[in-house]
N, C-alpha and C. Protein backbone atom coordinates (compact mmCIF):
# COMPACT_ATOMS: atom_id res chain seq x y z
N MET A 1 -11.58 5.57 -10.11
CA MET A 1 -10.26 6.15 -10.11
C MET A 1 -9.26 5.06 -9.70
N SER A 2 -8.16 4.99 -10.40
CA SER A 2 -7.15 3.98 -10.08
C SER A 2 -6.35 4.40 -8.85
N ARG A 3 -5.67 3.43 -8.28
CA ARG A 3 -4.86 3.71 -7.09
C ARG A 3 -3.69 4.62 -7.42
N LYS A 4 -3.14 4.49 -8.64
CA LYS A 4 -2.03 5.36 -9.04
C LYS A 4 -2.46 6.82 -9.09
N ILE A 5 -3.61 7.07 -9.69
CA ILE A 5 -4.10 8.44 -9.80
C ILE A 5 -4.43 9.00 -8.42
N ALA A 6 -5.07 8.19 -7.58
CA ALA A 6 -5.40 8.62 -6.23
C ALA A 6 -4.13 8.95 -5.44
N GLY A 7 -3.14 8.10 -5.55
CA GLY A 7 -1.86 8.36 -4.87
C GLY A 7 -1.19 9.61 -5.39
N PHE A 8 -1.25 9.81 -6.70
CA PHE A 8 -0.67 11.00 -7.30
C PHE A 8 -1.36 12.26 -6.77
N LEU A 9 -2.68 12.24 -6.66
CA LEU A 9 -3.41 13.40 -6.16
C LEU A 9 -3.05 13.70 -4.71
N ILE A 10 -2.88 12.66 -3.92
CA ILE A 10 -2.50 12.86 -2.51
C ILE A 10 -1.11 13.48 -2.43
N VAL A 11 -0.17 12.94 -3.19
CA VAL A 11 1.20 13.46 -3.17
C VAL A 11 1.23 14.90 -3.69
N LEU A 12 0.48 15.17 -4.75
CA LEU A 12 0.42 16.52 -5.30
C LEU A 12 -0.17 17.50 -4.29
N GLY A 13 -1.22 17.10 -3.60
CA GLY A 13 -1.83 17.97 -2.59
C GLY A 13 -0.87 18.28 -1.45
N VAL A 14 -0.17 17.27 -0.97
CA VAL A 14 0.80 17.46 0.11
C VAL A 14 1.94 18.37 -0.36
N PHE A 15 2.41 18.14 -1.57
CA PHE A 15 3.49 18.98 -2.12
C PHE A 15 3.06 20.44 -2.22
N MET A 16 1.84 20.66 -2.73
CA MET A 16 1.35 22.04 -2.88
C MET A 16 1.25 22.73 -1.54
N ILE A 17 0.72 22.05 -0.54
CA ILE A 17 0.59 22.65 0.79
C ILE A 17 1.97 22.98 1.35
N PHE A 18 2.89 22.02 1.29
CA PHE A 18 4.25 22.25 1.81
C PHE A 18 4.95 23.39 1.08
N GLU A 19 4.88 23.38 -0.23
CA GLU A 19 5.61 24.36 -1.03
C GLU A 19 5.10 25.79 -0.79
N TRP A 20 3.79 25.97 -0.76
CA TRP A 20 3.25 27.32 -0.61
C TRP A 20 3.39 27.84 0.80
N ILE A 21 3.29 26.97 1.81
CA ILE A 21 3.53 27.43 3.18
C ILE A 21 5.00 27.78 3.35
N ASN A 22 5.88 27.00 2.75
CA ASN A 22 7.31 27.30 2.78
C ASN A 22 7.59 28.64 2.12
N LEU A 23 6.95 28.92 0.99
CA LEU A 23 7.10 30.21 0.32
C LEU A 23 6.66 31.34 1.24
N GLY A 24 5.56 31.14 1.94
CA GLY A 24 5.06 32.17 2.85
C GLY A 24 6.07 32.52 3.93
N PHE A 25 6.77 31.53 4.46
CA PHE A 25 7.77 31.78 5.48
C PHE A 25 9.05 32.40 4.91
N ASN A 26 9.29 32.20 3.62
CA ASN A 26 10.53 32.68 3.02
C ASN A 26 10.42 34.03 2.32
N LEU A 27 9.26 34.67 2.38
CA LEU A 27 9.13 35.98 1.76
C LEU A 27 10.00 36.98 2.51
N ALA A 28 10.81 37.70 1.77
CA ALA A 28 11.73 38.66 2.38
C ALA A 28 11.01 39.96 2.70
N ASP A 29 11.55 40.68 3.67
CA ASP A 29 11.00 41.98 4.05
C ASP A 29 11.40 43.03 3.02
N GLY A 30 10.72 44.15 3.04
CA GLY A 30 11.09 45.27 2.21
C GLY A 30 10.26 45.45 0.96
N HIS A 31 9.22 44.66 0.80
CA HIS A 31 8.36 44.81 -0.37
C HIS A 31 7.17 45.69 -0.01
N GLU A 32 6.49 46.12 -1.05
CA GLU A 32 5.29 46.92 -0.83
C GLU A 32 4.16 46.04 -0.32
N THR A 33 3.14 46.67 0.24
CA THR A 33 2.02 45.93 0.80
C THR A 33 1.31 45.09 -0.25
N GLY A 34 1.19 45.60 -1.47
CA GLY A 34 0.52 44.86 -2.54
C GLY A 34 1.18 43.52 -2.83
N PHE A 35 2.49 43.49 -2.71
CA PHE A 35 3.23 42.25 -2.92
C PHE A 35 2.78 41.18 -1.94
N TYR A 36 2.67 41.57 -0.66
CA TYR A 36 2.28 40.62 0.36
C TYR A 36 0.81 40.23 0.24
N VAL A 37 -0.04 41.16 -0.18
CA VAL A 37 -1.45 40.85 -0.36
C VAL A 37 -1.61 39.82 -1.47
N VAL A 38 -0.98 40.06 -2.61
CA VAL A 38 -1.09 39.14 -3.74
C VAL A 38 -0.54 37.77 -3.38
N HIS A 39 0.61 37.71 -2.77
CA HIS A 39 1.20 36.43 -2.42
C HIS A 39 0.41 35.73 -1.31
N GLY A 40 -0.16 36.50 -0.41
CA GLY A 40 -1.03 35.92 0.62
C GLY A 40 -2.25 35.26 0.00
N ILE A 41 -2.86 35.93 -0.98
CA ILE A 41 -4.01 35.35 -1.67
C ILE A 41 -3.60 34.09 -2.43
N LEU A 42 -2.46 34.15 -3.12
CA LEU A 42 -1.97 32.96 -3.84
C LEU A 42 -1.72 31.80 -2.89
N ILE A 43 -1.14 32.08 -1.74
CA ILE A 43 -0.86 31.02 -0.77
C ILE A 43 -2.15 30.39 -0.28
N VAL A 44 -3.12 31.21 0.08
CA VAL A 44 -4.39 30.68 0.59
C VAL A 44 -5.10 29.84 -0.47
N VAL A 45 -5.18 30.36 -1.68
CA VAL A 45 -5.87 29.63 -2.76
C VAL A 45 -5.17 28.30 -3.04
N ASN A 46 -3.86 28.29 -3.10
CA ASN A 46 -3.15 27.06 -3.43
C ASN A 46 -3.16 26.06 -2.28
N VAL A 47 -3.18 26.50 -1.05
CA VAL A 47 -3.30 25.58 0.07
C VAL A 47 -4.69 24.94 0.06
N VAL A 48 -5.73 25.73 -0.22
CA VAL A 48 -7.08 25.17 -0.32
C VAL A 48 -7.15 24.16 -1.46
N LEU A 49 -6.55 24.49 -2.61
CA LEU A 49 -6.53 23.54 -3.73
C LEU A 49 -5.77 22.26 -3.37
N GLY A 50 -4.68 22.40 -2.62
CA GLY A 50 -3.94 21.23 -2.18
C GLY A 50 -4.76 20.34 -1.27
N VAL A 51 -5.53 20.96 -0.37
CA VAL A 51 -6.40 20.18 0.51
C VAL A 51 -7.49 19.47 -0.29
N VAL A 52 -8.08 20.19 -1.25
CA VAL A 52 -9.13 19.59 -2.09
C VAL A 52 -8.58 18.41 -2.87
N LEU A 53 -7.40 18.57 -3.48
CA LEU A 53 -6.80 17.46 -4.22
C LEU A 53 -6.49 16.28 -3.31
N GLY A 54 -6.00 16.57 -2.12
CA GLY A 54 -5.72 15.50 -1.17
C GLY A 54 -6.97 14.74 -0.76
N VAL A 55 -8.07 15.47 -0.52
CA VAL A 55 -9.32 14.82 -0.15
C VAL A 55 -9.86 13.97 -1.29
N ILE A 56 -9.81 14.50 -2.51
CA ILE A 56 -10.26 13.72 -3.67
C ILE A 56 -9.42 12.46 -3.82
N GLY A 57 -8.11 12.59 -3.67
CA GLY A 57 -7.23 11.43 -3.76
C GLY A 57 -7.49 10.43 -2.66
N TRP A 58 -7.71 10.90 -1.44
CA TRP A 58 -7.98 10.02 -0.31
C TRP A 58 -9.28 9.23 -0.52
N ARG A 59 -10.31 9.94 -0.98
CA ARG A 59 -11.58 9.25 -1.26
C ARG A 59 -11.43 8.24 -2.39
N GLY A 60 -10.68 8.60 -3.42
CA GLY A 60 -10.43 7.68 -4.51
C GLY A 60 -9.64 6.46 -4.07
N LEU A 61 -8.68 6.66 -3.18
CA LEU A 61 -7.87 5.56 -2.67
C LEU A 61 -8.72 4.62 -1.82
N ARG A 62 -9.57 5.17 -0.98
CA ARG A 62 -10.46 4.34 -0.16
C ARG A 62 -11.44 3.57 -1.02
N ARG A 63 -11.95 4.21 -2.06
CA ARG A 63 -12.89 3.53 -2.96
C ARG A 63 -12.18 2.43 -3.75
N ALA A 64 -10.93 2.68 -4.16
CA ALA A 64 -10.18 1.67 -4.92
C ALA A 64 -9.85 0.46 -4.05
N ARG A 65 -9.64 0.67 -2.76
CA ARG A 65 -9.36 -0.45 -1.86
C ARG A 65 -10.59 -1.33 -1.67
N GLY A 66 -11.77 -0.70 -1.71
CA GLY A 66 -13.00 -1.44 -1.50
C GLY A 66 -13.40 -2.31 -2.69
N GLU A 67 -12.88 -2.03 -3.85
CA GLU A 67 -13.27 -2.79 -5.05
C GLU A 67 -12.55 -4.09 -5.19
C-alpha cells in the first residue's frame, strides 16, 4: 500500500468518527424512538468502520515506512 493511500485511509477514518459522533450530539429532541434506534445503529456501525479504516491505514503507513 502506498503512503498516499494509507494517509487517505487514516484521514477518512478520523473524518468518519468525528462526523458521526457530531451527528449523534446534534440529533434534535421530539422524534420517535425508532428514529433514535436507527441513527444509533448507524452511528455505531460507522464509528467502527472509521476505526477499522484508521487501523488499516496506520498499518499500511508503518509498512510503507519500513520499505
